[in-house]
Protein backbone atom coordinates (compact mmCIF):
# COMPACT_ATOMS: atom_id res chain seq x y z
CA MET A 1 84.03 93.36 118.63
CA ALA A 2 86.12 91.41 121.12
CA SER A 3 87.43 89.16 118.36
CA VAL A 4 88.65 91.97 116.11
CA CYS A 5 90.05 94.01 119.01
CA SER A 6 92.15 91.03 120.08
CA GLY A 7 93.37 90.21 116.56
CA GLY A 8 90.95 87.35 115.90
CA GLY A 9 89.41 88.85 112.79
CA LEU A 10 85.82 88.58 111.61
CA ASN A 11 83.61 85.57 111.14
CA SER A 12 81.61 85.27 107.95
CA GLU A 13 77.84 84.84 107.72
CA THR A 14 77.17 86.77 110.93
CA GLY A 15 74.39 89.00 109.61
CA ILE A 16 76.49 92.11 110.08
CA ASP A 17 75.81 94.70 107.39
CA MET A 18 78.46 96.20 105.12
CA GLU A 19 78.89 99.43 107.08
CA THR A 20 79.40 97.61 110.37
CA GLU A 21 81.69 95.06 108.75
CA ALA A 22 83.84 97.83 107.27
CA ALA A 23 84.21 99.41 110.71
CA LEU A 24 85.21 96.06 112.20
CA TRP A 25 87.74 95.47 109.41
CA ALA A 26 89.26 98.85 110.21
CA ILE A 27 89.82 97.62 113.76
CA ALA A 28 91.24 94.29 112.57
CA THR A 29 93.62 96.09 110.22
CA ALA A 30 94.81 98.42 112.99
CA HIS A 31 95.48 95.57 115.44
CA PRO A 32 97.46 95.55 117.73
CA HIS A 33 97.34 99.36 117.98
CA VAL A 34 93.58 99.94 117.84
CA PRO A 35 92.64 103.57 118.45
CA THR A 36 89.62 104.11 120.68
CA GLU A 37 88.10 106.16 117.84
CA LEU A 38 87.85 103.03 115.68
CA VAL A 39 86.10 101.13 118.46
CA ALA A 40 83.69 104.03 118.98
CA ALA A 41 83.03 104.18 115.22
CA ALA A 42 82.29 100.44 115.12
CA ARG A 43 79.88 100.78 118.03
CA THR A 44 78.13 103.64 116.22
CA GLU A 45 77.83 101.60 113.01
CA PHE A 46 76.49 98.60 114.90
CA ALA A 47 73.91 100.81 116.63
CA ALA A 48 72.88 102.16 113.21
CA GLN A 49 72.44 98.60 111.97
CA LEU A 50 70.31 97.69 114.97
CA ASP A 51 68.10 100.79 114.80
CA GLY A 52 67.51 100.38 111.07
CA SER A 53 69.36 103.52 109.96
CA HIS A 54 71.60 101.64 107.52
CA ALA A 55 68.66 99.78 105.99
CA ALA A 56 66.68 103.02 105.65
CA ALA A 57 69.61 104.72 103.91
CA ARG A 58 70.00 101.80 101.46
CA ARG A 59 66.26 101.80 100.77
CA ALA A 60 66.27 105.57 100.12
CA ALA A 61 69.25 105.24 97.76
CA LEU A 62 67.47 102.51 95.79
CA GLU A 63 64.30 104.58 95.58
CA ARG A 64 66.31 107.51 94.21
CA ARG A 65 67.91 105.25 91.59
CA PHE A 66 64.56 103.84 90.48
CA ALA A 67 63.10 107.34 90.27
CA GLN A 68 65.70 108.32 87.65
CA PRO A 69 65.15 107.48 83.98
CA ALA A 70 67.29 104.64 82.69
CA PRO A 71 70.40 105.74 80.77
CA GLY A 72 69.62 106.20 77.09
CA ARG A 73 65.88 106.59 77.63
CA ASP A 74 64.20 109.88 76.90
CA GLU A 75 61.48 110.72 79.37
């Protein structure tokens, strides 16, 4: 967070998920005029990564996809 807020950008291979990374990129893109709303959004996304909310949402989306018949198959 400190890096992107100060214009340093993001490091790769940090283990940050896509949702959190997108929020951090929004901050990096807005630098040097970073609205507090973007920082709050990044904190929210990071909390969702830590509490497993993002992983649970991805898992649920995959389960919904696998529950649907494959295109072109009659079932």
